[in-house]
N, C-alpha and C. Protein backbone atom coordinates (compact mmCIF):
# COMPACT_ATOMS: atom_id res chain seq x y z
N MET A 1 101.05 94.52 89.39
CA MET A 1 101.07 94.05 90.79
C MET A 1 102.51 93.80 91.21
N LEU A 2 102.86 94.21 92.43
CA LEU A 2 104.24 94.14 92.91
C LEU A 2 104.75 92.70 92.92
N VAL A 3 103.92 91.76 93.42
CA VAL A 3 104.36 90.37 93.50
C VAL A 3 104.66 89.83 92.11
N GLU A 4 103.80 90.15 91.14
CA GLU A 4 104.00 89.70 89.77
C GLU A 4 105.32 90.24 89.21
N LYS A 5 105.62 91.50 89.47
CA LYS A 5 106.86 92.11 88.99
C LYS A 5 108.08 91.43 89.61
N ILE A 6 107.99 91.11 90.91
CA ILE A 6 109.10 90.45 91.60
C ILE A 6 109.36 89.07 91.01
N ILE A 7 108.27 88.32 90.80
CA ILE A 7 108.42 86.96 90.27
C ILE A 7 108.93 87.00 88.83
N ARG A 8 108.46 87.96 88.04
CA ARG A 8 108.98 88.10 86.68
C ARG A 8 110.49 88.32 86.69
N LYS A 9 110.96 89.14 87.62
CA LYS A 9 112.39 89.42 87.70
C LYS A 9 113.16 88.20 88.16
N LEU A 10 112.64 87.50 89.17
CA LEU A 10 113.33 86.31 89.68
C LEU A 10 113.43 85.21 88.63
N LYS A 11 112.32 85.02 87.91
CA LYS A 11 112.27 83.96 86.90
C LYS A 11 112.84 84.41 85.56
N ARG A 12 113.10 85.71 85.44
CA ARG A 12 113.55 86.28 84.17
C ARG A 12 112.57 85.95 83.04
N ASN A 13 111.30 86.07 83.37
CA ASN A 13 110.22 85.76 82.44
C ASN A 13 109.26 86.93 82.38
N PRO A 14 109.38 87.80 81.37
CA PRO A 14 108.51 89.00 81.30
C PRO A 14 107.05 88.67 81.04
N ASP A 15 106.75 87.44 80.65
CA ASP A 15 105.37 87.04 80.35
C ASP A 15 104.67 86.38 81.53
N TYR A 16 105.34 86.24 82.67
CA TYR A 16 104.73 85.59 83.83
C TYR A 16 103.48 86.37 84.28
N LYS A 17 102.39 85.64 84.52
CA LYS A 17 101.14 86.27 84.94
C LYS A 17 100.72 85.78 86.33
N TRP A 18 100.37 86.72 87.18
CA TRP A 18 99.79 86.42 88.49
C TRP A 18 98.28 86.59 88.34
N GLU A 19 97.59 85.51 88.03
CA GLU A 19 96.20 85.60 87.59
C GLU A 19 95.17 85.57 88.72
N SER A 20 95.52 85.01 89.86
CA SER A 20 94.55 84.85 90.93
C SER A 20 94.50 86.08 91.83
N LYS A 21 93.33 86.28 92.46
CA LYS A 21 93.17 87.35 93.43
C LYS A 21 93.20 86.77 94.83
N TYR A 22 94.09 87.29 95.66
CA TYR A 22 94.23 86.81 97.02
C TYR A 22 93.94 87.93 98.01
N THR A 23 93.45 87.54 99.19
CA THR A 23 93.27 88.51 100.26
C THR A 23 94.62 88.82 100.90
N PHE A 24 94.66 89.88 101.71
CA PHE A 24 95.88 90.21 102.44
C PHE A 24 96.29 89.06 103.36
N ARG A 25 95.27 88.39 103.92
CA ARG A 25 95.59 87.25 104.79
C ARG A 25 96.23 86.11 104.00
N ASP A 26 95.65 85.83 102.82
CA ASP A 26 96.25 84.82 101.95
C ASP A 26 97.72 85.14 101.67
N MET A 27 97.97 86.37 101.26
CA MET A 27 99.33 86.77 100.90
C MET A 27 100.26 86.73 102.10
N GLY A 28 99.73 87.07 103.27
CA GLY A 28 100.56 87.01 104.47
C GLY A 28 101.04 85.60 104.76
N VAL A 29 100.13 84.63 104.63
CA VAL A 29 100.50 83.23 104.87
C VAL A 29 101.51 82.76 103.83
N ILE A 30 101.26 83.10 102.55
CA ILE A 30 102.17 82.69 101.48
C ILE A 30 103.56 83.27 101.70
N LEU A 31 103.63 84.57 101.97
CA LEU A 31 104.93 85.23 102.11
C LEU A 31 105.67 84.78 103.35
N SER A 32 104.95 84.56 104.45
CA SER A 32 105.62 84.09 105.67
C SER A 32 106.20 82.70 105.45
N GLY A 33 105.47 81.85 104.70
CA GLY A 33 105.99 80.53 104.39
C GLY A 33 107.24 80.60 103.54
N ARG A 34 107.23 81.48 102.53
CA ARG A 34 108.42 81.63 101.68
C ARG A 34 109.60 82.21 102.46
N CYS A 35 109.34 83.13 103.37
CA CYS A 35 110.43 83.68 104.18
C CYS A 35 111.09 82.59 105.03
N GLY A 36 110.26 81.72 105.61
CA GLY A 36 110.81 80.60 106.38
C GLY A 36 111.65 79.69 105.50
N GLN A 37 111.19 79.45 104.28
CA GLN A 37 111.95 78.60 103.36
C GLN A 37 113.28 79.25 102.98
N ILE A 38 113.29 80.57 102.80
CA ILE A 38 114.55 81.26 102.48
C ILE A 38 115.55 81.14 103.63
N LEU A 39 115.04 81.26 104.87
CA LEU A 39 115.93 81.13 106.03
C LEU A 39 116.54 79.74 106.12
N ARG A 40 115.70 78.72 105.92
CA ARG A 40 116.23 77.35 105.93
C ARG A 40 117.19 77.12 104.76
N GLY A 41 116.87 77.74 103.61
CA GLY A 41 117.75 77.62 102.46
C GLY A 41 119.10 78.26 102.69
N GLY A 42 119.12 79.38 103.42
CA GLY A 42 120.39 80.04 103.74
C GLY A 42 121.31 79.15 104.54
N TRP A 43 120.73 78.36 105.44
CA TRP A 43 121.53 77.42 106.22
C TRP A 43 121.97 76.23 105.37
N LYS A 44 121.04 75.68 104.59
CA LYS A 44 121.32 74.47 103.82
C LYS A 44 122.36 74.70 102.73
N ARG A 45 122.36 75.90 102.12
CA ARG A 45 123.24 76.15 100.98
C ARG A 45 124.72 76.04 101.36
N MET A 46 125.04 76.19 102.62
CA MET A 46 126.44 76.09 103.05
C MET A 46 127.00 74.68 102.86
N PHE A 47 126.12 73.69 102.76
CA PHE A 47 126.56 72.31 102.66
C PHE A 47 126.49 71.76 101.24
N LEU A 48 125.89 72.53 100.32
CA LEU A 48 125.72 72.05 98.97
C LEU A 48 126.94 72.37 98.11
N LYS A 49 127.06 71.63 97.01
CA LYS A 49 128.21 71.82 96.11
C LYS A 49 128.21 73.20 95.50
N HIS A 50 127.06 73.62 94.99
CA HIS A 50 126.96 74.92 94.32
C HIS A 50 125.50 75.34 94.25
N VAL A 51 125.23 76.59 94.57
CA VAL A 51 123.87 77.14 94.48
C VAL A 51 123.96 78.57 93.97
N GLU A 52 123.10 78.90 92.99
CA GLU A 52 122.98 80.28 92.53
C GLU A 52 121.64 80.84 92.99
N GLY A 53 121.60 82.12 93.27
CA GLY A 53 120.33 82.78 93.57
C GLY A 53 119.68 82.27 94.84
N LEU A 54 118.37 82.46 94.91
CA LEU A 54 117.62 82.10 96.11
C LEU A 54 117.39 80.60 96.19
N LEU A 55 117.37 80.10 97.41
CA LEU A 55 117.11 78.68 97.68
C LEU A 55 116.01 78.61 98.73
N PHE A 56 114.87 77.99 98.37
CA PHE A 56 113.72 77.86 99.27
C PHE A 56 113.65 76.41 99.74
N ILE A 57 113.75 76.20 101.04
CA ILE A 57 113.77 74.85 101.60
C ILE A 57 112.62 74.70 102.61
N GLY A 58 111.78 73.69 102.40
CA GLY A 58 110.68 73.42 103.31
C GLY A 58 111.13 72.70 104.57
N ARG A 59 110.16 72.29 105.36
CA ARG A 59 110.45 71.57 106.60
C ARG A 59 110.77 70.11 106.32
N ASN A 60 111.64 69.56 107.15
CA ASN A 60 111.98 68.13 107.12
C ASN A 60 112.54 67.69 105.76
N VAL A 61 113.31 68.58 105.13
CA VAL A 61 114.01 68.23 103.89
C VAL A 61 115.36 67.62 104.25
N LYS A 62 115.65 66.46 103.66
CA LYS A 62 116.92 65.78 103.93
C LYS A 62 117.69 65.62 102.63
N ILE A 63 118.91 66.13 102.60
CA ILE A 63 119.79 66.00 101.43
C ILE A 63 121.06 65.29 101.88
N LYS A 64 121.14 64.00 101.58
CA LYS A 64 122.35 63.24 101.91
C LYS A 64 123.39 63.44 100.81
N HIS A 65 124.67 63.48 101.23
CA HIS A 65 125.77 63.74 100.30
C HIS A 65 125.52 65.06 99.57
N ALA A 66 125.21 66.09 100.36
CA ALA A 66 124.86 67.40 99.82
C ALA A 66 125.99 68.01 99.00
N TYR A 67 127.23 67.60 99.24
CA TYR A 67 128.38 68.10 98.49
C TYR A 67 128.34 67.66 97.03
N LEU A 68 127.41 66.78 96.66
CA LEU A 68 127.24 66.33 95.28
C LEU A 68 125.96 66.89 94.65
N PHE A 69 125.33 67.85 95.34
CA PHE A 69 124.08 68.45 94.86
C PHE A 69 124.35 69.89 94.46
N SER A 70 124.00 70.24 93.22
CA SER A 70 124.18 71.62 92.77
C SER A 70 122.89 72.14 92.18
N ALA A 71 122.67 73.45 92.31
CA ALA A 71 121.40 74.04 91.88
C ALA A 71 121.63 75.40 91.26
N GLY A 72 120.75 75.76 90.31
CA GLY A 72 120.76 77.08 89.72
C GLY A 72 119.97 78.05 90.57
N LYS A 73 119.31 79.00 89.91
CA LYS A 73 118.59 80.06 90.62
C LYS A 73 117.17 79.63 90.97
N ASN A 74 116.71 80.09 92.14
CA ASN A 74 115.31 79.98 92.55
C ASN A 74 114.82 78.54 92.64
N LEU A 75 115.58 77.70 93.29
CA LEU A 75 115.14 76.32 93.53
C LEU A 75 114.21 76.30 94.74
N ILE A 76 113.05 75.63 94.56
CA ILE A 76 112.10 75.44 95.65
C ILE A 76 112.03 73.95 95.96
N ILE A 77 112.31 73.58 97.21
CA ILE A 77 112.15 72.21 97.68
C ILE A 77 111.16 72.24 98.83
N GLU A 78 110.00 71.64 98.62
CA GLU A 78 108.94 71.69 99.61
C GLU A 78 109.16 70.68 100.74
N ASP A 79 108.20 70.59 101.66
CA ASP A 79 108.34 69.77 102.87
C ASP A 79 108.54 68.28 102.56
N ASN A 80 109.31 67.64 103.44
CA ASN A 80 109.44 66.17 103.48
C ASN A 80 110.07 65.56 102.23
N VAL A 81 110.88 66.32 101.53
CA VAL A 81 111.59 65.79 100.37
C VAL A 81 112.86 65.09 100.84
N PHE A 82 113.13 63.91 100.25
CA PHE A 82 114.36 63.17 100.55
C PHE A 82 115.21 63.09 99.29
N ILE A 83 116.46 63.53 99.40
CA ILE A 83 117.39 63.50 98.27
C ILE A 83 118.67 62.81 98.71
N ASN A 84 119.09 61.80 97.95
CA ASN A 84 120.40 61.18 98.15
C ASN A 84 121.20 61.43 96.89
N ALA A 85 122.15 62.36 96.96
CA ALA A 85 122.90 62.79 95.78
C ALA A 85 124.12 61.92 95.50
N LEU A 86 124.38 60.90 96.31
CA LEU A 86 125.54 60.04 96.09
C LEU A 86 125.46 59.39 94.71
N SER A 87 126.39 59.70 93.83
CA SER A 87 126.41 59.18 92.47
C SER A 87 127.63 59.78 91.77
N TYR A 88 127.98 59.21 90.61
CA TYR A 88 129.16 59.70 89.89
C TYR A 88 128.96 61.14 89.41
N ASP A 89 127.80 61.46 88.89
CA ASP A 89 127.54 62.80 88.37
C ASP A 89 126.83 63.71 89.37
N GLY A 90 126.38 63.14 90.47
CA GLY A 90 125.62 63.91 91.45
C GLY A 90 124.23 64.25 90.94
N ILE A 91 123.57 65.15 91.64
CA ILE A 91 122.26 65.66 91.23
C ILE A 91 122.41 67.13 90.89
N MET A 92 122.06 67.47 89.65
CA MET A 92 122.24 68.83 89.14
C MET A 92 120.90 69.40 88.72
N VAL A 93 120.54 70.54 89.28
CA VAL A 93 119.25 71.18 89.04
C VAL A 93 119.52 72.58 88.50
N LYS A 94 118.86 72.94 87.40
CA LYS A 94 119.07 74.26 86.80
C LYS A 94 118.11 75.30 87.39
N ASP A 95 117.82 76.36 86.65
CA ASP A 95 117.09 77.51 87.19
C ASP A 95 115.58 77.26 87.26
N ASN A 96 114.95 77.87 88.28
CA ASN A 96 113.49 77.92 88.42
C ASN A 96 112.85 76.54 88.46
N VAL A 97 113.46 75.66 89.21
CA VAL A 97 112.93 74.30 89.40
C VAL A 97 112.20 74.22 90.72
N SER A 98 111.09 73.49 90.75
CA SER A 98 110.38 73.25 92.00
C SER A 98 110.23 71.74 92.20
N ILE A 99 110.46 71.32 93.43
CA ILE A 99 110.32 69.91 93.83
C ILE A 99 109.31 69.89 94.97
N ALA A 100 108.13 69.35 94.71
CA ALA A 100 107.03 69.43 95.66
C ALA A 100 107.20 68.44 96.81
N ARG A 101 106.30 68.51 97.77
CA ARG A 101 106.42 67.76 99.01
C ARG A 101 106.42 66.25 98.76
N ASN A 102 107.16 65.55 99.64
CA ASN A 102 107.18 64.08 99.68
C ASN A 102 107.82 63.43 98.45
N CYS A 103 108.63 64.17 97.71
CA CYS A 103 109.35 63.57 96.59
C CYS A 103 110.62 62.87 97.08
N THR A 104 111.08 61.90 96.28
CA THR A 104 112.32 61.19 96.55
C THR A 104 113.19 61.19 95.31
N LEU A 105 114.43 61.66 95.44
CA LEU A 105 115.41 61.63 94.36
C LEU A 105 116.62 60.86 94.85
N VAL A 106 116.97 59.79 94.14
CA VAL A 106 118.03 58.89 94.59
C VAL A 106 119.05 58.70 93.48
N GLY A 107 120.31 58.96 93.77
CA GLY A 107 121.37 58.73 92.80
C GLY A 107 121.96 57.35 92.88
N THR A 108 121.96 56.76 94.06
CA THR A 108 122.52 55.43 94.30
C THR A 108 121.55 54.64 95.16
N GLY A 109 121.35 53.36 94.80
CA GLY A 109 120.50 52.48 95.59
C GLY A 109 121.34 51.76 96.63
N ILE A 110 121.75 50.55 96.29
CA ILE A 110 122.61 49.80 97.22
C ILE A 110 124.01 50.39 97.20
N ILE A 111 124.63 50.46 98.35
CA ILE A 111 125.88 51.20 98.52
C ILE A 111 127.03 50.59 97.74
N SER A 112 126.95 49.28 97.44
CA SER A 112 128.05 48.62 96.74
C SER A 112 128.10 48.95 95.26
N GLN A 113 127.05 49.60 94.72
CA GLN A 113 127.00 49.92 93.29
C GLN A 113 126.61 51.39 93.12
N LYS A 114 127.63 52.22 93.01
CA LYS A 114 127.41 53.66 92.90
C LYS A 114 126.66 53.99 91.62
N GLY A 115 125.66 54.88 91.72
CA GLY A 115 124.83 55.22 90.58
C GLY A 115 125.40 56.35 89.75
N LYS A 116 124.68 56.70 88.67
CA LYS A 116 125.13 57.74 87.74
C LYS A 116 124.66 59.12 88.18
N GLY A 117 123.36 59.29 88.48
CA GLY A 117 122.88 60.58 88.95
C GLY A 117 121.70 61.11 88.16
N ILE A 118 121.31 62.35 88.48
CA ILE A 118 120.10 62.97 87.93
C ILE A 118 120.41 64.41 87.53
N SER A 119 119.88 64.83 86.36
CA SER A 119 119.94 66.24 85.99
C SER A 119 118.54 66.71 85.62
N ILE A 120 118.20 67.94 86.04
CA ILE A 120 116.87 68.51 85.83
C ILE A 120 117.04 69.89 85.21
N GLY A 121 116.33 70.14 84.10
CA GLY A 121 116.51 71.37 83.34
C GLY A 121 115.74 72.56 83.89
N ASN A 122 115.86 73.67 83.19
CA ASN A 122 115.25 74.94 83.59
C ASN A 122 113.72 74.88 83.58
N ASN A 123 113.11 75.55 84.55
CA ASN A 123 111.66 75.76 84.60
C ASN A 123 110.86 74.46 84.67
N THR A 124 111.44 73.46 85.26
CA THR A 124 110.79 72.15 85.37
C THR A 124 110.19 72.00 86.76
N GLY A 125 109.00 71.40 86.83
CA GLY A 125 108.31 71.17 88.09
C GLY A 125 108.14 69.69 88.37
N ILE A 126 108.58 69.26 89.54
CA ILE A 126 108.41 67.88 89.99
C ILE A 126 107.30 67.89 91.04
N ASN A 127 106.18 67.25 90.73
CA ASN A 127 105.02 67.35 91.61
C ASN A 127 105.09 66.39 92.79
N ALA A 128 104.14 66.50 93.69
CA ALA A 128 104.18 65.81 94.98
C ALA A 128 104.29 64.29 94.82
N GLY A 129 105.13 63.70 95.66
CA GLY A 129 105.22 62.24 95.76
C GLY A 129 105.92 61.56 94.61
N ALA A 130 106.62 62.29 93.76
CA ALA A 130 107.34 61.66 92.65
C ALA A 130 108.57 60.93 93.16
N TYR A 131 108.96 59.88 92.40
CA TYR A 131 110.16 59.11 92.73
C TYR A 131 111.06 59.07 91.49
N LEU A 132 112.30 59.55 91.64
CA LEU A 132 113.28 59.50 90.55
C LEU A 132 114.46 58.65 91.00
N GLY A 133 114.61 57.48 90.38
CA GLY A 133 115.71 56.58 90.70
C GLY A 133 116.81 56.71 89.67
N GLY A 134 117.85 57.46 90.00
CA GLY A 134 118.89 57.81 89.03
C GLY A 134 120.09 56.89 89.02
N GLN A 135 119.92 55.64 89.44
CA GLN A 135 121.07 54.73 89.47
C GLN A 135 121.71 54.58 88.09
N GLY A 136 120.89 54.49 87.05
CA GLY A 136 121.41 54.38 85.70
C GLY A 136 121.45 55.70 84.96
N GLY A 137 121.05 56.76 85.62
CA GLY A 137 121.05 58.09 85.04
C GLY A 137 119.69 58.54 84.56
N ILE A 138 119.27 59.73 84.99
CA ILE A 138 118.04 60.36 84.52
C ILE A 138 118.37 61.77 84.06
N GLU A 139 117.94 62.12 82.84
CA GLU A 139 118.10 63.47 82.31
C GLU A 139 116.71 64.02 81.99
N ILE A 140 116.34 65.10 82.66
CA ILE A 140 115.06 65.76 82.43
C ILE A 140 115.34 67.13 81.85
N GLY A 141 114.66 67.47 80.75
CA GLY A 141 114.93 68.71 80.04
C GLY A 141 114.26 69.92 80.65
N ASP A 142 114.12 70.96 79.83
CA ASP A 142 113.54 72.23 80.25
C ASP A 142 112.01 72.20 80.12
N ASN A 143 111.34 72.95 80.98
CA ASN A 143 109.88 73.18 80.89
C ASN A 143 109.09 71.87 80.91
N VAL A 144 109.52 70.95 81.76
CA VAL A 144 108.86 69.66 81.89
C VAL A 144 107.95 69.68 83.12
N ILE A 145 106.77 69.08 82.99
CA ILE A 145 105.84 68.91 84.11
C ILE A 145 105.86 67.44 84.50
N ILE A 146 106.28 67.15 85.72
CA ILE A 146 106.24 65.80 86.26
C ILE A 146 105.09 65.74 87.25
N GLY A 147 104.05 64.97 86.94
CA GLY A 147 102.84 64.95 87.76
C GLY A 147 103.03 64.25 89.09
N PRO A 148 102.01 64.35 89.96
CA PRO A 148 102.07 63.70 91.27
C PRO A 148 102.23 62.19 91.14
N GLY A 149 103.10 61.62 91.97
CA GLY A 149 103.24 60.18 92.04
C GLY A 149 103.93 59.53 90.85
N VAL A 150 104.52 60.31 89.97
CA VAL A 150 105.27 59.73 88.84
C VAL A 150 106.49 58.98 89.36
N GLN A 151 106.79 57.84 88.74
CA GLN A 151 107.96 57.04 89.10
C GLN A 151 108.83 56.83 87.86
N VAL A 152 110.12 57.11 88.01
CA VAL A 152 111.08 56.93 86.91
C VAL A 152 112.19 56.01 87.41
N PHE A 153 112.40 54.91 86.68
CA PHE A 153 113.39 53.90 87.07
C PHE A 153 114.45 53.77 85.98
N SER A 154 115.71 53.74 86.38
CA SER A 154 116.80 53.56 85.42
C SER A 154 117.65 52.33 85.76
N GLU A 155 117.08 51.42 86.55
CA GLU A 155 117.80 50.22 86.98
C GLU A 155 116.81 49.07 87.11
N ASN A 156 117.23 47.88 86.71
CA ASN A 156 116.41 46.68 86.86
C ASN A 156 117.21 45.57 87.52
N HIS A 157 116.51 44.70 88.25
CA HIS A 157 117.15 43.51 88.81
C HIS A 157 117.24 42.42 87.74
N ASN A 158 118.38 41.76 87.65
CA ASN A 158 118.52 40.60 86.77
C ASN A 158 117.84 39.40 87.42
N PHE A 159 117.27 38.52 86.58
CA PHE A 159 116.53 37.38 87.15
C PHE A 159 116.59 36.14 86.25
N SER A 160 117.54 36.08 85.32
CA SER A 160 117.55 35.00 84.31
C SER A 160 117.94 33.64 84.88
N ASP A 161 118.74 33.63 85.96
CA ASP A 161 119.22 32.35 86.53
C ASP A 161 118.24 31.87 87.59
N ILE A 162 117.51 30.80 87.27
CA ILE A 162 116.48 30.29 88.17
C ILE A 162 117.06 29.69 89.44
N ASN A 163 118.36 29.39 89.43
CA ASN A 163 119.01 28.73 90.57
C ASN A 163 119.66 29.70 91.54
N VAL A 164 119.56 30.96 91.26
CA VAL A 164 120.17 31.99 92.12
C VAL A 164 119.08 32.97 92.55
N ASN A 165 119.11 33.33 93.83
CA ASN A 165 118.16 34.33 94.31
C ASN A 165 118.24 35.61 93.47
N ILE A 166 117.09 36.17 93.13
CA ILE A 166 117.07 37.36 92.29
C ILE A 166 117.91 38.48 92.89
N LYS A 167 117.86 38.63 94.20
CA LYS A 167 118.59 39.71 94.83
C LYS A 167 120.10 39.54 94.74
N ASP A 168 120.56 38.30 94.39
CA ASP A 168 121.99 38.03 94.27
C ASP A 168 122.48 38.03 92.82
N GLN A 169 121.60 38.34 91.87
CA GLN A 169 121.98 38.30 90.46
C GLN A 169 122.42 39.66 89.90
N GLY A 170 122.47 40.64 90.75
CA GLY A 170 122.94 41.94 90.30
C GLY A 170 121.86 42.74 89.56
N VAL A 171 122.28 43.84 88.98
CA VAL A 171 121.34 44.74 88.32
C VAL A 171 121.87 45.12 86.94
N SER A 172 120.96 45.58 86.11
CA SER A 172 121.33 46.19 84.83
C SER A 172 120.82 47.62 84.83
N ARG A 173 121.60 48.51 84.24
CA ARG A 173 121.27 49.93 84.27
C ARG A 173 121.17 50.49 82.86
N ASN A 174 120.18 51.33 82.66
CA ASN A 174 119.96 51.95 81.37
C ASN A 174 119.25 53.27 81.60
N GLY A 175 119.88 54.35 81.20
CA GLY A 175 119.39 55.68 81.54
C GLY A 175 118.06 56.04 80.91
N VAL A 176 117.40 57.02 81.53
CA VAL A 176 116.12 57.57 81.06
C VAL A 176 116.34 59.02 80.67
N VAL A 177 115.79 59.41 79.52
CA VAL A 177 115.86 60.80 79.06
C VAL A 177 114.44 61.30 78.82
N ILE A 178 114.08 62.41 79.45
CA ILE A 178 112.82 63.10 79.19
C ILE A 178 113.19 64.46 78.62
N LYS A 179 112.89 64.67 77.36
CA LYS A 179 113.33 65.89 76.70
C LYS A 179 112.42 67.08 77.03
N ASN A 180 112.60 68.17 76.33
CA ASN A 180 111.96 69.44 76.70
C ASN A 180 110.45 69.44 76.48
N ASP A 181 109.75 70.25 77.28
CA ASP A 181 108.35 70.59 77.06
C ASP A 181 107.45 69.36 77.09
N CYS A 182 107.70 68.45 78.03
CA CYS A 182 106.86 67.26 78.18
C CYS A 182 105.96 67.41 79.40
N TRP A 183 104.83 66.71 79.35
CA TRP A 183 103.92 66.61 80.49
C TRP A 183 103.76 65.13 80.81
N ILE A 184 104.26 64.74 81.98
CA ILE A 184 104.15 63.36 82.45
C ILE A 184 103.04 63.33 83.48
N GLY A 185 101.91 62.68 83.14
CA GLY A 185 100.72 62.72 83.97
C GLY A 185 100.86 61.96 85.28
N ALA A 186 99.95 62.23 86.19
CA ALA A 186 99.99 61.67 87.54
C ALA A 186 100.06 60.15 87.51
N GLY A 187 100.96 59.60 88.33
CA GLY A 187 101.05 58.16 88.51
C GLY A 187 101.67 57.41 87.36
N ALA A 188 102.17 58.09 86.35
CA ALA A 188 102.82 57.41 85.23
C ALA A 188 104.13 56.77 85.71
N ILE A 189 104.50 55.67 85.05
CA ILE A 189 105.74 54.96 85.35
C ILE A 189 106.58 54.91 84.08
N ILE A 190 107.83 55.32 84.19
CA ILE A 190 108.76 55.30 83.05
C ILE A 190 109.89 54.36 83.40
N LEU A 191 110.12 53.36 82.55
CA LEU A 191 111.08 52.31 82.85
C LEU A 191 112.44 52.58 82.20
N ALA A 192 113.45 51.85 82.68
CA ALA A 192 114.83 52.04 82.26
C ALA A 192 114.99 51.93 80.75
N GLY A 193 115.85 52.79 80.20
CA GLY A 193 116.16 52.76 78.78
C GLY A 193 115.26 53.59 77.91
N VAL A 194 114.25 54.22 78.47
CA VAL A 194 113.27 54.98 77.68
C VAL A 194 113.77 56.40 77.44
N THR A 195 113.60 56.85 76.20
CA THR A 195 113.77 58.26 75.86
C THR A 195 112.42 58.80 75.41
N ILE A 196 111.98 59.87 76.04
CA ILE A 196 110.73 60.53 75.69
C ILE A 196 111.07 61.81 74.94
N GLY A 197 110.61 61.90 73.70
CA GLY A 197 110.97 63.02 72.84
C GLY A 197 110.38 64.35 73.28
N ASN A 198 110.79 65.40 72.63
CA ASN A 198 110.30 66.75 72.93
C ASN A 198 108.79 66.84 72.75
N GLY A 199 108.14 67.56 73.65
CA GLY A 199 106.74 67.90 73.48
C GLY A 199 105.76 66.76 73.67
N CYS A 200 106.17 65.71 74.37
CA CYS A 200 105.28 64.55 74.56
C CYS A 200 104.34 64.73 75.75
N VAL A 201 103.20 64.06 75.67
CA VAL A 201 102.24 64.02 76.77
C VAL A 201 102.02 62.56 77.13
N ILE A 202 102.26 62.23 78.41
CA ILE A 202 102.07 60.86 78.91
C ILE A 202 100.87 60.89 79.84
N ALA A 203 99.82 60.15 79.48
CA ALA A 203 98.58 60.17 80.26
C ALA A 203 98.79 59.59 81.65
N ALA A 204 97.94 60.02 82.57
CA ALA A 204 98.01 59.54 83.96
C ALA A 204 97.91 58.02 84.00
N GLY A 205 98.78 57.40 84.83
CA GLY A 205 98.73 55.96 85.03
C GLY A 205 99.38 55.13 83.96
N SER A 206 99.94 55.73 82.94
CA SER A 206 100.58 54.97 81.86
C SER A 206 101.88 54.34 82.34
N VAL A 207 102.26 53.22 81.70
CA VAL A 207 103.55 52.60 81.94
C VAL A 207 104.31 52.63 80.61
N VAL A 208 105.35 53.43 80.55
CA VAL A 208 106.10 53.62 79.31
C VAL A 208 107.31 52.69 79.33
N THR A 209 107.33 51.74 78.39
CA THR A 209 108.36 50.71 78.35
C THR A 209 109.32 50.86 77.19
N ARG A 210 108.96 51.71 76.20
CA ARG A 210 109.80 51.92 75.03
C ARG A 210 109.91 53.41 74.72
N SER A 211 110.96 53.76 74.00
CA SER A 211 111.18 55.16 73.63
C SER A 211 110.09 55.64 72.68
N ILE A 212 109.79 56.94 72.75
CA ILE A 212 108.73 57.50 71.91
C ILE A 212 109.22 58.77 71.22
N ASP A 213 108.64 59.03 70.06
CA ASP A 213 109.05 60.16 69.23
C ASP A 213 108.52 61.47 69.76
N ASN A 214 109.06 62.55 69.23
CA ASN A 214 108.62 63.89 69.60
C ASN A 214 107.11 64.06 69.41
N ASP A 215 106.51 64.82 70.31
CA ASP A 215 105.11 65.27 70.20
C ASP A 215 104.10 64.13 70.25
N SER A 216 104.49 62.99 70.84
CA SER A 216 103.57 61.86 70.96
C SER A 216 102.66 62.03 72.17
N VAL A 217 101.43 61.53 72.04
CA VAL A 217 100.49 61.44 73.16
C VAL A 217 100.34 59.96 73.47
N VAL A 218 100.69 59.57 74.70
CA VAL A 218 100.78 58.17 75.08
C VAL A 218 99.83 57.87 76.23
N ALA A 219 99.19 56.69 76.18
CA ALA A 219 98.32 56.25 77.28
C ALA A 219 98.31 54.73 77.31
N GLY A 220 98.03 54.17 78.51
CA GLY A 220 97.82 52.74 78.64
C GLY A 220 98.94 52.00 79.32
N VAL A 221 98.69 50.68 79.51
CA VAL A 221 99.65 49.76 80.13
C VAL A 221 99.75 48.52 79.25
N PRO A 222 100.85 48.31 78.53
CA PRO A 222 101.94 49.28 78.35
C PRO A 222 101.48 50.47 77.51
N GLY A 223 102.23 51.55 77.60
CA GLY A 223 101.83 52.75 76.90
C GLY A 223 101.82 52.61 75.40
N LYS A 224 100.81 53.15 74.76
CA LYS A 224 100.72 53.17 73.31
C LYS A 224 100.56 54.61 72.84
N VAL A 225 101.16 54.90 71.70
CA VAL A 225 101.01 56.22 71.10
C VAL A 225 99.62 56.33 70.49
N LEU A 226 98.79 57.22 71.04
CA LEU A 226 97.44 57.42 70.53
C LEU A 226 97.42 58.35 69.32
N LYS A 227 98.27 59.34 69.37
CA LYS A 227 98.36 60.28 68.26
C LYS A 227 99.63 61.10 68.42
N ASN A 228 99.96 61.80 67.36
CA ASN A 228 101.04 62.78 67.42
C ASN A 228 100.41 64.17 67.46
N ARG A 229 100.95 65.04 68.24
CA ARG A 229 100.38 66.38 68.36
C ARG A 229 100.43 67.15 67.04
N LYS A 230 101.27 66.71 66.13
CA LYS A 230 101.33 67.34 64.81
C LYS A 230 100.67 66.49 63.74
N VAL A 231 100.94 65.19 63.78
CA VAL A 231 100.37 64.26 62.79
C VAL A 231 99.74 63.11 63.53
N ILE A 232 98.49 62.78 63.29
CA ILE A 232 97.80 61.72 64.00
C ILE A 232 98.38 60.37 63.60
N THR A 233 98.72 59.54 64.63
CA THR A 233 99.21 58.18 64.42
C THR A 233 98.46 57.24 65.32
N VAL A 234 98.39 55.96 64.97
CA VAL A 234 97.70 54.99 65.81
C VAL A 234 98.48 53.70 65.86
N GLY A 235 98.27 52.96 66.99
CA GLY A 235 98.72 51.58 67.10
C GLY A 235 100.18 51.38 67.39
N LYS A 236 100.93 52.42 67.67
CA LYS A 236 102.35 52.25 67.93
C LYS A 236 102.59 52.02 69.39
N VAL A 237 103.24 50.88 69.76
CA VAL A 237 103.47 50.56 71.16
C VAL A 237 104.62 51.37 71.68
N ALA A 238 104.42 51.94 72.91
CA ALA A 238 105.49 52.74 73.52
C ALA A 238 106.06 52.02 74.71
């Protein structure tokens, strides 16, 4: 199929499969939408730090401090995405990344404390409504699935002094790392300082408060390791 061949070439993935059957009307709507995104991407790329290959931009996409945003090939940003790239490292996205509608990516929160930034690896998908707070730094590896509504935080408010308003006690920052080939389920929350090893699965709605080893399957609040995809384990708090 022609579309399958085109996508294989764009993604540089000879194993890509176009498995569904669509009518001509279906394909017309899909292709017209992508053409509109390419046109908007052609305009937007002039303001970005660096872009390779095609750039697909949906409607009502806002990229603040676009001169700190860089992207590899075939980046798709769907409708209503908000990105603030202001940060020391900026926001860096590699090849074949998709950011679905209504996502928020933030490099800096309050203006007086510049953040570290966000990096996203090859072939990674950020699903609808996700929030990535990169004030303390977020690193996402290759081939990662970020489910709808996932929230990742790399900054916390200090609150130890009972005599001072919490908002006046400053913040502490600790980066988050999500390594390669992970699936972060819908609505999961990942807190500052957590490293998620290669090949992990985080169940929907989990709150991950501690780092976890490679190939772990995690669920619950707080998240607990239910098993290892290679060796079964129990009772380990994540």
